[in-house]
C-alpha atoms as a PDB file:
ATOM      1  CA  UNK A   1       8.931  -6.632  25.237  1.00  0.00           C
ATOM      2  CA  UNK A   2       9.702 -10.081  24.105  1.00  0.00           C
ATOM      3  CA  UNK A   3      10.520 -10.065  20.011  1.00  0.00           C
ATOM      4  CA  UNK A   4       8.218 -13.097  19.714  1.00  0.00           C
ATOM      5  CA  UNK A   5       5.263 -11.209  21.107  1.00  0.00           C
ATOM      6  CA  UNK A   6       5.787  -8.207  19.200  1.00  0.00           C
ATOM      7  CA  UNK A   7       6.124 -10.161  16.167  1.00  0.00           C
ATOM      8  CA  UNK A   8       2.856 -11.855  16.531  1.00  0.00           C
ATOM      9  CA  UNK A   9       1.183  -8.352  17.039  1.00  0.00           C
ATOM     10  CA  UNK A  10       2.626  -7.156  13.940  1.00  0.00           C
ATOM     11  CA  UNK A  11       1.355 -10.011  12.023  1.00  0.00           C
ATOM     12  CA  UNK A  12      -2.084  -9.809  13.891  1.00  0.00           C
ATOM     13  CA  UNK A  13      -2.528  -6.200  12.775  1.00  0.00           C
ATOM     14  CA  UNK A  14      -0.857  -6.543   9.237  1.00  0.00           C
ATOM     15  CA  UNK A  15      -3.896  -9.307   8.864  1.00  0.00           C
ATOM     16  CA  UNK A  16      -6.542  -6.897  10.208  1.00  0.00           C
ATOM     17  CA  UNK A  17      -5.382  -4.346   7.627  1.00  0.00           C
ATOM     18  CA  UNK A  18      -5.160  -7.147   4.548  1.00  0.00           C
ATOM     19  CA  UNK A  19      -8.704  -7.996   5.808  1.00  0.00           C
ATOM     20  CA  UNK A  20      -9.846  -4.362   5.719  1.00  0.00           C
ATOM     21  CA  UNK A  21      -8.627  -3.947   2.243  1.00  0.00           C
ATOM     22  CA  UNK A  22     -10.321  -7.192   1.197  1.00  0.00           C
ATOM     23  CA  UNK A  23     -13.637  -6.488   2.762  1.00  0.00           C
ATOM     24  CA  UNK A  24     -14.253  -2.551   2.752  1.00  0.00           C
ATOM     25  CA  UNK A  25     -11.940  -1.151  -0.150  1.00  0.00           C
ATOM     26  CA  UNK A  26     -11.787  -4.344  -2.846  1.00  0.00           C
ATOM     27  CA  UNK A  27     -14.894  -5.935  -1.780  1.00  0.00           C
ATOM     28  CA  UNK A  28     -13.837  -9.187  -2.610  1.00  0.00           C
ATOM     29  CA  UNK A  29     -14.541 -12.571  -0.596  1.00  0.00           C
ATOM     30  CA  UNK A  30     -11.420 -14.632   0.662  1.00  0.00           C
ATOM     31  CA  UNK A  31     -11.246 -16.842  -2.556  1.00  0.00           C
ATOM     32  CA  UNK A  32     -11.430 -13.891  -4.951  1.00  0.00           C
ATOM     33  CA  UNK A  33      -8.645 -12.097  -3.307  1.00  0.00           C
ATOM     34  CA  UNK A  34      -6.406 -15.485  -2.662  1.00  0.00           C
ATOM     35  CA  UNK A  35      -6.797 -15.991  -6.330  1.00  0.00           C
ATOM     36  CA  UNK A  36      -5.546 -12.453  -7.500  1.00  0.00           C
ATOM     37  CA  UNK A  37      -2.508 -12.378  -5.006  1.00  0.00           C
ATOM     38  CA  UNK A  38      -1.500 -15.946  -5.886  1.00  0.00           C
ATOM     39  CA  UNK A  39      -2.365 -17.940  -2.677  1.00  0.00           C
ATOM     40  CA  UNK A  40      -4.940 -20.396  -1.534  1.00  0.00           C
ATOM     41  CA  UNK A  41      -7.938 -19.172   0.178  1.00  0.00           C
ATOM     42  CA  UNK A  42      -7.260 -20.982   3.434  1.00  0.00           C
ATOM     43  CA  UNK A  43      -3.762 -19.525   3.469  1.00  0.00           C
ATOM     44  CA  UNK A  44      -5.200 -15.971   3.077  1.00  0.00           C
ATOM     45  CA  UNK A  45      -7.289 -16.812   6.255  1.00  0.00           C
ATOM     46  CA  UNK A  46      -4.729 -17.541   7.933  1.00  0.00           C
ATOM     47  CA  UNK A  47      -2.747 -14.605   7.270  1.00  0.00           C
ATOM     48  CA  UNK A  48      -5.873 -12.434   7.952  1.00  0.00           C
ATOM     49  CA  UNK A  49      -5.761 -14.298  11.347  1.00  0.00           C
ATOM     50  CA  UNK A  50      -2.246 -13.531  12.180  1.00  0.00           C
ATOM     51  CA  UNK A  51      -1.056 -16.530  11.536  1.00  0.00           C
ATOM     52  CA  UNK A  52       0.962 -16.593   8.500  1.00  0.00           C
ATOM     53  CA  UNK A  53       2.707 -14.065   6.482  1.00  0.00           C
ATOM     54  CA  UNK A  54       2.536 -13.267   2.744  1.00  0.00           C
ATOM     55  CA  UNK A  55       5.653 -13.563   0.360  1.00  0.00           C
ATOM     56  CA  UNK A  56       7.092 -11.001  -1.378  1.00  0.00           C
ATOM     57  CA  UNK A  57       5.140 -11.566  -4.550  1.00  0.00           C
ATOM     58  CA  UNK A  58       2.073 -11.608  -3.173  1.00  0.00           C
ATOM     59  CA  UNK A  59       2.393  -8.575  -1.254  1.00  0.00           C
ATOM     60  CA  UNK A  60       3.650  -7.188  -4.871  1.00  0.00           C
ATOM     61  CA  UNK A  61       0.321  -8.499  -5.981  1.00  0.00           C
ATOM     62  CA  UNK A  62      -1.992  -6.887  -3.375  1.00  0.00           C
ATOM     63  CA  UNK A  63      -0.117  -3.747  -3.439  1.00  0.00           C
ATOM     64  CA  UNK A  64      -0.804  -3.536  -7.202  1.00  0.00           C
ATOM     65  CA  UNK A  65      -4.250  -4.609  -7.009  1.00  0.00           C
ATOM     66  CA  UNK A  66      -5.195  -2.318  -3.874  1.00  0.00           C
ATOM     67  CA  UNK A  67      -3.228   0.582  -4.744  1.00  0.00           C
ATOM     68  CA  UNK A  68      -1.575   0.875  -1.251  1.00  0.00           C
ATOM     69  CA  UNK A  69       2.146   1.105  -0.658  1.00  0.00           C
ATOM     70  CA  UNK A  70       3.924  -2.086   0.630  1.00  0.00           C
ATOM     71  CA  UNK A  71       4.626   0.068   3.697  1.00  0.00           C
ATOM     72  CA  UNK A  72       0.702   0.548   4.658  1.00  0.00           C
ATOM     73  CA  UNK A  73       0.257  -3.175   4.204  1.00  0.00           C
ATOM     74  CA  UNK A  74       3.462  -4.335   6.115  1.00  0.00           C
ATOM     75  CA  UNK A  75       3.614  -1.975   8.855  1.00  0.00           C
ATOM     76  CA  UNK A  76       0.556   0.544   8.694  1.00  0.00           C
ATOM     77  CA  UNK A  77       2.549   3.407   7.631  1.00  0.00           C
ATOM     78  CA  UNK A  78      -0.053   6.137   6.415  1.00  0.00           C
ATOM     79  CA  UNK A  79      -0.042   5.918   2.342  1.00  0.00           C
ATOM     80  CA  UNK A  80      -3.145   8.526   1.798  1.00  0.00           C
ATOM     81  CA  UNK A  81      -0.724  11.181   0.246  1.00  0.00           C
ATOM     82  CA  UNK A  82       0.935   8.231  -1.722  1.00  0.00           C
ATOM     83  CA  UNK A  83      -2.429   7.091  -2.906  1.00  0.00           C
ATOM     84  CA  UNK A  84      -4.157  10.484  -3.820  1.00  0.00           C
ATOM     85  CA  UNK A  85      -0.867  11.489  -5.914  1.00  0.00           C
ATOM     86  CA  UNK A  86      -1.353   8.433  -8.059  1.00  0.00           C
ATOM     87  CA  UNK A  87      -4.983   8.897  -8.579  1.00  0.00           C
ATOM     88  CA  UNK A  88      -4.355  12.462  -9.798  1.00  0.00           C
ATOM     89  CA  UNK A  89      -1.198  11.667 -11.558  1.00  0.00           C
ATOM     90  CA  UNK A  90      -3.228   8.765 -13.694  1.00  0.00           C
ATOM     91  CA  UNK A  91      -4.873  11.525 -15.268  1.00  0.00           C
ATOM     92  CA  UNK A  92      -2.040  12.677 -17.014  1.00  0.00           C
ATOM     93  CA  UNK A  93       0.912  11.068 -19.406  1.00  0.00           C
ATOM     94  CA  UNK A  94       4.321  11.339 -18.468  1.00  0.00           C
ATOM     95  CA  UNK A  95       5.677  14.278 -20.830  1.00  0.00           C
ATOM     96  CA  UNK A  96       2.915  16.437 -18.717  1.00  0.00           C
ATOM     97  CA  UNK A  97       3.861  15.106 -15.624  1.00  0.00           C
ATOM     98  CA  UNK A  98       7.660  15.873 -16.196  1.00  0.00           C
ATOM     99  CA  UNK A  99       6.822  19.442 -17.303  1.00  0.00           C
ATOM    100  CA  UNK A 100       4.582  20.051 -14.150  1.00  0.00           C
ATOM    101  CA  UNK A 101       7.691  18.807 -11.923  1.00  0.00           C
ATOM    102  CA  UNK A 102       9.897  21.563 -13.836  1.00  0.00           C
ATOM    103  CA  UNK A 103       7.337  24.103 -13.019  1.00  0.00           C
ATOM    104  CA  UNK A 104       7.030  23.011  -9.051  1.00  0.00           C
ATOM    105  CA  UNK A 105      10.974  22.816  -8.705  1.00  0.00           C
ATOM    106  CA  UNK A 106      11.145  26.633 -10.320  1.00  0.00           C
ATOM    107  CA  UNK A 107       8.310  27.526  -7.820  1.00  0.00           C
ATOM    108  CA  UNK A 108      10.657  26.171  -4.989  1.00  0.00           C
ATOM    109  CA  UNK A 109      13.791  27.846  -6.271  1.00  0.00           C
ATOM    110  CA  UNK A 110      11.579  31.566  -6.466  1.00  0.00           C
ATOM    111  CA  UNK A 111      10.318  30.735  -3.052  1.00  0.00           C
ATOM    112  CA  UNK A 112      13.863  30.016  -1.548  1.00  0.00           C
ATOM    113  CA  UNK A 113      15.403  32.716  -3.230  1.00  0.00           C
ATOM    114  CA  UNK A 114      12.891  34.775  -2.112  1.00  0.00           C
ATOM    115  CA  UNK A 115      13.469  33.893   1.542  1.00  0.00           C
ATOM    116  CA  UNK A 116      17.135  34.467   1.607  1.00  0.00           C
END
């Protein structure tokens, strides 16, 4: 398939994801989200229609606002595990998270040694 056609299809799908995030998750109109990510509402409309691409800083802003990974925004890769993990970890401080990770590592070693 022609690379131009593939690129267009990717832009259209990316635009649909961004519009879905804006409407169904953030509940913002075009102007509100555009202001928050640093673009004009007209340009955001072009992006949502698959006729434009966001720059890195705008994707980063959208990522920060929405909680989605860049991989989801750009490519549609499932980020539900990352999102759920971040939601859970937000309840704990860094010291608590490090202690829990140490426990998980020990559990992993225990399971590995048990199987050998």
